[in-house]
Amino acid sequence: MSNENTDRIIIDLCKDKLNIDLKPEAIDCSHRLYAKEGNHKPILVKFTSKNSKNLVYKNKSKLKGSKIVIKEDLTKLRHQLFKETVKKFDKPVWTTDGKILVNINNSIKHVKTFADLG
């Protein structure tokens, strides 16, 4: 078992890449997830407050062009719906608080079910 300090990795990432001074108290827990062979093991983070989570999510666009991605941990069904939404629309798709959103003609559409994909 690794002695890797994933909390510290997240705090340093926020400071160095997102310009956020995230305090250790803002993280409830964090750990690496298993990954398929050849892939990096992602880190799952649980924040102590919604404000901390929202601050990180608000600044995640600063990572564009890097190999670092910040995503929500969705249920298997929500993740499948997200992937299908990305396939269906040639538009920006993202999640916020588990909601799947897509920008269609400058209007934000909330995709709730597979039926919403038409």
N, C-alpha and C. Protein backbone atom coordinates (compact mmCIF):
# COMPACT_ATOMS: atom_id res chain seq x y z
N MET A 1 0.84 -1.19 0.00
CA MET A 1 0.00 0.00 0.00
C MET A 1 0.88 1.25 0.00
N SER A 2 0.53 2.23 -0.76
CA SER A 2 1.32 3.44 -0.94
C SER A 2 1.11 4.42 0.22
N ASN A 3 2.16 5.16 0.53
CA ASN A 3 2.06 6.21 1.54
C ASN A 3 1.84 7.57 0.89
N GLU A 4 1.37 7.56 -0.34
CA GLU A 4 1.14 8.78 -1.10
C GLU A 4 0.10 9.65 -0.39
N ASN A 5 0.39 10.94 -0.28
CA ASN A 5 -0.52 11.88 0.36
C ASN A 5 -1.36 12.56 -0.73
N THR A 6 -2.51 11.97 -1.04
CA THR A 6 -3.35 12.50 -2.12
C THR A 6 -3.96 13.85 -1.75
N ASP A 7 -4.20 14.09 -0.46
CA ASP A 7 -4.69 15.41 -0.05
C ASP A 7 -3.68 16.48 -0.46
N ARG A 8 -2.41 16.21 -0.19
CA ARG A 8 -1.34 17.17 -0.52
C ARG A 8 -1.25 17.38 -2.04
N ILE A 9 -1.42 16.31 -2.80
CA ILE A 9 -1.39 16.43 -4.27
C ILE A 9 -2.49 17.38 -4.73
N ILE A 10 -3.69 17.24 -4.17
CA ILE A 10 -4.82 18.09 -4.54
C ILE A 10 -4.57 19.54 -4.12
N ILE A 11 -4.08 19.74 -2.91
CA ILE A 11 -3.80 21.09 -2.42
C ILE A 11 -2.75 21.77 -3.30
N ASP A 12 -1.69 21.03 -3.64
CA ASP A 12 -0.64 21.59 -4.50
C ASP A 12 -1.16 21.88 -5.91
N LEU A 13 -1.99 21.00 -6.45
CA LEU A 13 -2.59 21.23 -7.76
C LEU A 13 -3.41 22.51 -7.76
N CYS A 14 -4.22 22.67 -6.72
CA CYS A 14 -5.06 23.86 -6.63
C CYS A 14 -4.21 25.13 -6.55
N LYS A 15 -3.13 25.07 -5.79
CA LYS A 15 -2.25 26.24 -5.64
C LYS A 15 -1.50 26.53 -6.94
N ASP A 16 -0.87 25.51 -7.50
CA ASP A 16 0.02 25.70 -8.65
C ASP A 16 -0.70 25.88 -9.98
N LYS A 17 -1.80 25.20 -10.17
CA LYS A 17 -2.49 25.22 -11.47
C LYS A 17 -3.77 26.05 -11.49
N LEU A 18 -4.46 26.12 -10.35
CA LEU A 18 -5.75 26.82 -10.31
C LEU A 18 -5.68 28.15 -9.58
N ASN A 19 -4.52 28.44 -8.97
CA ASN A 19 -4.35 29.67 -8.18
C ASN A 19 -5.37 29.77 -7.05
N ILE A 20 -5.61 28.64 -6.38
CA ILE A 20 -6.54 28.57 -5.25
C ILE A 20 -5.75 28.15 -4.02
N ASP A 21 -5.96 28.87 -2.92
CA ASP A 21 -5.32 28.50 -1.66
C ASP A 21 -6.27 27.58 -0.89
N LEU A 22 -6.30 26.33 -1.29
CA LEU A 22 -7.18 25.35 -0.66
C LEU A 22 -6.53 24.85 0.62
N LYS A 23 -7.23 24.95 1.72
CA LYS A 23 -6.72 24.52 3.03
C LYS A 23 -6.96 23.02 3.21
N PRO A 24 -6.10 22.35 3.97
CA PRO A 24 -6.30 20.91 4.23
C PRO A 24 -7.68 20.59 4.81
N GLU A 25 -8.24 21.52 5.57
CA GLU A 25 -9.55 21.32 6.19
C GLU A 25 -10.67 21.26 5.15
N ALA A 26 -10.39 21.71 3.92
CA ALA A 26 -11.41 21.71 2.86
C ALA A 26 -11.61 20.32 2.27
N ILE A 27 -10.68 19.39 2.57
CA ILE A 27 -10.78 18.03 2.03
C ILE A 27 -11.17 17.07 3.15
N ASP A 28 -12.29 16.40 2.96
CA ASP A 28 -12.73 15.39 3.92
C ASP A 28 -11.87 14.14 3.77
N CYS A 29 -11.73 13.66 2.54
CA CYS A 29 -10.88 12.50 2.26
C CYS A 29 -10.57 12.45 0.77
N SER A 30 -9.50 11.75 0.45
CA SER A 30 -9.13 11.56 -0.96
C SER A 30 -8.34 10.27 -1.08
N HIS A 31 -8.43 9.65 -2.24
CA HIS A 31 -7.67 8.43 -2.49
C HIS A 31 -7.64 8.15 -3.98
N ARG A 32 -6.68 7.33 -4.37
CA ARG A 32 -6.56 6.93 -5.78
C ARG A 32 -7.60 5.86 -6.09
N LEU A 33 -8.08 5.86 -7.31
CA LEU A 33 -8.97 4.82 -7.81
C LEU A 33 -8.15 3.86 -8.66
N TYR A 34 -8.67 2.69 -8.88
CA TYR A 34 -8.02 1.75 -9.78
C TYR A 34 -8.18 2.25 -11.21
N ALA A 35 -7.23 1.92 -12.03
CA ALA A 35 -7.28 2.33 -13.44
C ALA A 35 -6.97 1.14 -14.32
N LYS A 36 -7.46 1.22 -15.54
CA LYS A 36 -7.11 0.19 -16.51
C LYS A 36 -5.61 0.27 -16.77
N GLU A 37 -5.04 -0.85 -17.16
CA GLU A 37 -3.61 -0.90 -17.40
C GLU A 37 -3.18 0.17 -18.40
N GLY A 38 -2.13 0.87 -18.06
CA GLY A 38 -1.61 1.91 -18.94
C GLY A 38 -2.20 3.29 -18.68
N ASN A 39 -3.27 3.35 -17.91
CA ASN A 39 -3.89 4.64 -17.59
C ASN A 39 -3.41 5.12 -16.22
N HIS A 40 -3.45 6.43 -16.03
CA HIS A 40 -3.13 6.99 -14.73
C HIS A 40 -4.28 6.70 -13.77
N LYS A 41 -3.95 6.52 -12.50
CA LYS A 41 -4.98 6.29 -11.50
C LYS A 41 -5.53 7.65 -11.05
N PRO A 42 -6.82 7.88 -11.28
CA PRO A 42 -7.39 9.16 -10.86
C PRO A 42 -7.50 9.25 -9.34
N ILE A 43 -7.62 10.46 -8.85
CA ILE A 43 -7.80 10.71 -7.42
C ILE A 43 -9.25 11.14 -7.20
N LEU A 44 -9.92 10.48 -6.28
CA LEU A 44 -11.28 10.84 -5.89
C LEU A 44 -11.18 11.72 -4.65
N VAL A 45 -11.86 12.87 -4.67
CA VAL A 45 -11.80 13.82 -3.56
C VAL A 45 -13.20 14.09 -3.05
N LYS A 46 -13.35 14.08 -1.73
CA LYS A 46 -14.60 14.50 -1.10
C LYS A 46 -14.29 15.78 -0.32
N PHE A 47 -14.95 16.86 -0.71
CA PHE A 47 -14.73 18.14 -0.05
C PHE A 47 -15.62 18.25 1.19
N THR A 48 -15.19 19.07 2.15
CA THR A 48 -15.97 19.25 3.37
C THR A 48 -17.12 20.23 3.17
N SER A 49 -17.02 21.05 2.13
CA SER A 49 -18.10 22.00 1.88
C SER A 49 -18.36 22.13 0.38
N LYS A 50 -19.58 22.48 0.09
CA LYS A 50 -19.96 22.70 -1.31
C LYS A 50 -19.21 23.91 -1.87
N ASN A 51 -18.93 24.89 -1.02
CA ASN A 51 -18.21 26.08 -1.47
C ASN A 51 -16.81 25.73 -1.97
N SER A 52 -16.12 24.85 -1.27
CA SER A 52 -14.78 24.43 -1.69
C SER A 52 -14.85 23.70 -3.03
N LYS A 53 -15.80 22.79 -3.14
CA LYS A 53 -15.97 22.04 -4.38
C LYS A 53 -16.27 23.00 -5.53
N ASN A 54 -17.20 23.92 -5.31
CA ASN A 54 -17.59 24.86 -6.36
C ASN A 54 -16.43 25.76 -6.78
N LEU A 55 -15.58 26.14 -5.83
CA LEU A 55 -14.42 26.97 -6.15
C LEU A 55 -13.47 26.23 -7.08
N VAL A 56 -13.22 24.96 -6.79
CA VAL A 56 -12.35 24.15 -7.64
C VAL A 56 -12.99 23.97 -9.02
N TYR A 57 -14.26 23.65 -9.05
CA TYR A 57 -14.95 23.42 -10.33
C TYR A 57 -15.01 24.70 -11.17
N LYS A 58 -15.19 25.83 -10.50
CA LYS A 58 -15.25 27.11 -11.20
C LYS A 58 -13.93 27.43 -11.91
N ASN A 59 -12.83 26.96 -11.35
CA ASN A 59 -11.50 27.27 -11.89
C ASN A 59 -10.89 26.16 -12.73
N LYS A 60 -11.61 25.05 -12.92
CA LYS A 60 -11.02 23.91 -13.63
C LYS A 60 -10.70 24.20 -15.09
N SER A 61 -11.30 25.22 -15.66
CA SER A 61 -11.00 25.57 -17.06
C SER A 61 -9.55 26.02 -17.23
N LYS A 62 -8.90 26.40 -16.13
CA LYS A 62 -7.48 26.79 -16.19
C LYS A 62 -6.59 25.61 -16.55
N LEU A 63 -7.13 24.40 -16.46
CA LEU A 63 -6.37 23.19 -16.78
C LEU A 63 -6.47 22.83 -18.25
N LYS A 64 -7.26 23.57 -19.01
CA LYS A 64 -7.44 23.27 -20.43
C LYS A 64 -6.08 23.24 -21.13
N GLY A 65 -5.88 22.21 -21.93
CA GLY A 65 -4.61 22.05 -22.63
C GLY A 65 -3.59 21.24 -21.85
N SER A 66 -3.89 20.94 -20.60
CA SER A 66 -2.99 20.09 -19.81
C SER A 66 -3.56 18.67 -19.81
N LYS A 67 -2.85 17.76 -19.20
CA LYS A 67 -3.32 16.38 -19.12
C LYS A 67 -4.17 16.14 -17.88
N ILE A 68 -4.43 17.20 -17.12
CA ILE A 68 -5.19 17.09 -15.88
C ILE A 68 -6.65 17.43 -16.15
N VAL A 69 -7.55 16.59 -15.66
CA VAL A 69 -8.98 16.79 -15.85
C VAL A 69 -9.67 16.68 -14.50
N ILE A 70 -10.62 17.56 -14.25
CA ILE A 70 -11.44 17.49 -13.04
C ILE A 70 -12.85 17.17 -13.48
N LYS A 71 -13.37 16.05 -12.96
CA LYS A 71 -14.72 15.61 -13.31
C LYS A 71 -15.47 15.21 -12.05
N GLU A 72 -16.79 15.24 -12.15
CA GLU A 72 -17.62 14.74 -11.06
C GLU A 72 -17.62 13.22 -11.08
N ASP A 73 -17.81 12.64 -9.92
CA ASP A 73 -17.95 11.19 -9.80
C ASP A 73 -19.43 10.87 -9.98
N LEU A 74 -19.79 10.42 -11.16
CA LEU A 74 -21.19 10.14 -11.49
C LEU A 74 -21.52 8.67 -11.25
N THR A 75 -22.80 8.39 -11.03
CA THR A 75 -23.23 7.00 -10.96
C THR A 75 -23.02 6.37 -12.34
N LYS A 76 -23.04 5.07 -12.39
CA LYS A 76 -22.83 4.38 -13.67
C LYS A 76 -23.88 4.81 -14.69
N LEU A 77 -25.12 4.90 -14.28
CA LEU A 77 -26.20 5.30 -15.19
C LEU A 77 -26.01 6.74 -15.67
N ARG A 78 -25.69 7.66 -14.75
CA ARG A 78 -25.47 9.06 -15.14
C ARG A 78 -24.27 9.18 -16.08
N HIS A 79 -23.23 8.37 -15.82
CA HIS A 79 -22.05 8.40 -16.68
C HIS A 79 -22.40 7.91 -18.09
N GLN A 80 -23.21 6.86 -18.18
CA GLN A 80 -23.65 6.37 -19.49
C GLN A 80 -24.47 7.44 -20.22
N LEU A 81 -25.36 8.09 -19.48
CA LEU A 81 -26.17 9.16 -20.07
C LEU A 81 -25.28 10.32 -20.53
N PHE A 82 -24.28 10.65 -19.74
CA PHE A 82 -23.33 11.70 -20.12
C PHE A 82 -22.62 11.35 -21.42
N LYS A 83 -22.10 10.12 -21.51
CA LYS A 83 -21.39 9.69 -22.72
C LYS A 83 -22.31 9.73 -23.94
N GLU A 84 -23.54 9.29 -23.79
CA GLU A 84 -24.49 9.31 -24.91
C GLU A 84 -24.83 10.75 -25.31
N THR A 85 -24.90 11.64 -24.33
CA THR A 85 -25.18 13.05 -24.62
C THR A 85 -24.03 13.65 -25.43
N VAL A 86 -22.81 13.32 -25.06
CA VAL A 86 -21.64 13.80 -25.80
C VAL A 86 -21.68 13.30 -27.24
N LYS A 87 -22.04 12.01 -27.41
CA LYS A 87 -22.13 11.43 -28.76
C LYS A 87 -23.22 12.10 -29.59
N LYS A 88 -24.36 12.36 -28.97
CA LYS A 88 -25.54 12.87 -29.67
C LYS A 88 -25.35 14.31 -30.16
N PHE A 89 -24.80 15.15 -29.29
CA PHE A 89 -24.69 16.57 -29.61
C PHE A 89 -23.24 16.92 -29.93
N ASP A 90 -23.06 17.70 -30.95
CA ASP A 90 -21.73 18.21 -31.29
C ASP A 90 -21.59 19.58 -30.63
N LYS A 91 -21.85 19.60 -29.33
CA LYS A 91 -21.87 20.84 -28.54
C LYS A 91 -21.18 20.58 -27.21
N PRO A 92 -20.83 21.65 -26.49
CA PRO A 92 -20.24 21.46 -25.16
C PRO A 92 -21.22 20.77 -24.21
N VAL A 93 -20.74 19.73 -23.52
CA VAL A 93 -21.54 18.99 -22.52
C VAL A 93 -20.72 18.96 -21.23
N TRP A 94 -21.38 19.19 -20.10
CA TRP A 94 -20.69 19.16 -18.81
C TRP A 94 -21.67 18.75 -17.73
N THR A 95 -21.14 18.53 -16.53
CA THR A 95 -21.99 18.18 -15.40
C THR A 95 -21.78 19.19 -14.27
N THR A 96 -22.84 19.42 -13.54
CA THR A 96 -22.81 20.25 -12.34
C THR A 96 -23.75 19.62 -11.33
N ASP A 97 -23.21 19.25 -10.18
CA ASP A 97 -24.00 18.60 -9.13
C ASP A 97 -24.77 17.40 -9.66
N GLY A 98 -24.15 16.64 -10.54
CA GLY A 98 -24.76 15.43 -11.09
C GLY A 98 -25.72 15.69 -12.25
N LYS A 99 -25.98 16.96 -12.55
CA LYS A 99 -26.86 17.31 -13.67
C LYS A 99 -26.03 17.34 -14.94
N ILE A 100 -26.58 16.78 -16.00
CA ILE A 100 -25.92 16.79 -17.31
C ILE A 100 -26.49 17.95 -18.11
N LEU A 101 -25.59 18.84 -18.53
CA LEU A 101 -26.00 20.05 -19.23
C LEU A 101 -25.33 20.12 -20.59
N VAL A 102 -26.06 20.66 -21.56
CA VAL A 102 -25.52 20.83 -22.91
C VAL A 102 -25.93 22.21 -23.42
N ASN A 103 -25.00 22.88 -24.09
CA ASN A 103 -25.26 24.20 -24.65
C ASN A 103 -25.70 24.05 -26.10
N ILE A 104 -26.98 24.32 -26.35
CA ILE A 104 -27.54 24.22 -27.70
C ILE A 104 -28.04 25.60 -28.09
N ASN A 105 -27.40 26.19 -29.10
CA ASN A 105 -27.79 27.51 -29.60
C ASN A 105 -27.88 28.55 -28.48
N ASN A 106 -26.84 28.61 -27.65
CA ASN A 106 -26.75 29.55 -26.53
C ASN A 106 -27.85 29.37 -25.49
N SER A 107 -28.41 28.18 -25.43
CA SER A 107 -29.41 27.84 -24.43
C SER A 107 -28.95 26.57 -23.72
N ILE A 108 -28.98 26.58 -22.40
CA ILE A 108 -28.54 25.43 -21.62
C ILE A 108 -29.70 24.46 -21.45
N LYS A 109 -29.51 23.22 -21.91
CA LYS A 109 -30.53 22.18 -21.79
C LYS A 109 -30.06 21.17 -20.74
N HIS A 110 -30.96 20.82 -19.82
CA HIS A 110 -30.69 19.82 -18.79
C HIS A 110 -31.16 18.46 -19.30
N VAL A 111 -30.23 17.54 -19.50
CA VAL A 111 -30.55 16.20 -19.97
C VAL A 111 -30.77 15.32 -18.74
N LYS A 112 -32.01 14.88 -18.56
CA LYS A 112 -32.36 14.10 -17.36
C LYS A 112 -32.43 12.61 -17.63
N THR A 113 -32.88 12.23 -18.83
CA THR A 113 -33.05 10.82 -19.16
C THR A 113 -32.59 10.56 -20.60
N PHE A 114 -32.48 9.29 -20.95
CA PHE A 114 -32.13 8.92 -22.32
C PHE A 114 -33.19 9.42 -23.30
N ALA A 115 -34.43 9.53 -22.85
CA ALA A 115 -35.52 10.02 -23.71
C ALA A 115 -35.27 11.47 -24.13
N ASP A 116 -34.55 12.24 -23.31
CA ASP A 116 -34.24 13.63 -23.66
C ASP A 116 -33.30 13.73 -24.85
N LEU A 117 -32.67 12.63 -25.20
CA LEU A 117 -31.73 12.64 -26.32
C LEU A 117 -32.45 12.50 -27.66
N GLY A 118 -33.74 12.18 -27.58
CA GLY A 118 -34.57 12.10 -28.78
C GLY A 118 -34.18 10.98 -29.64
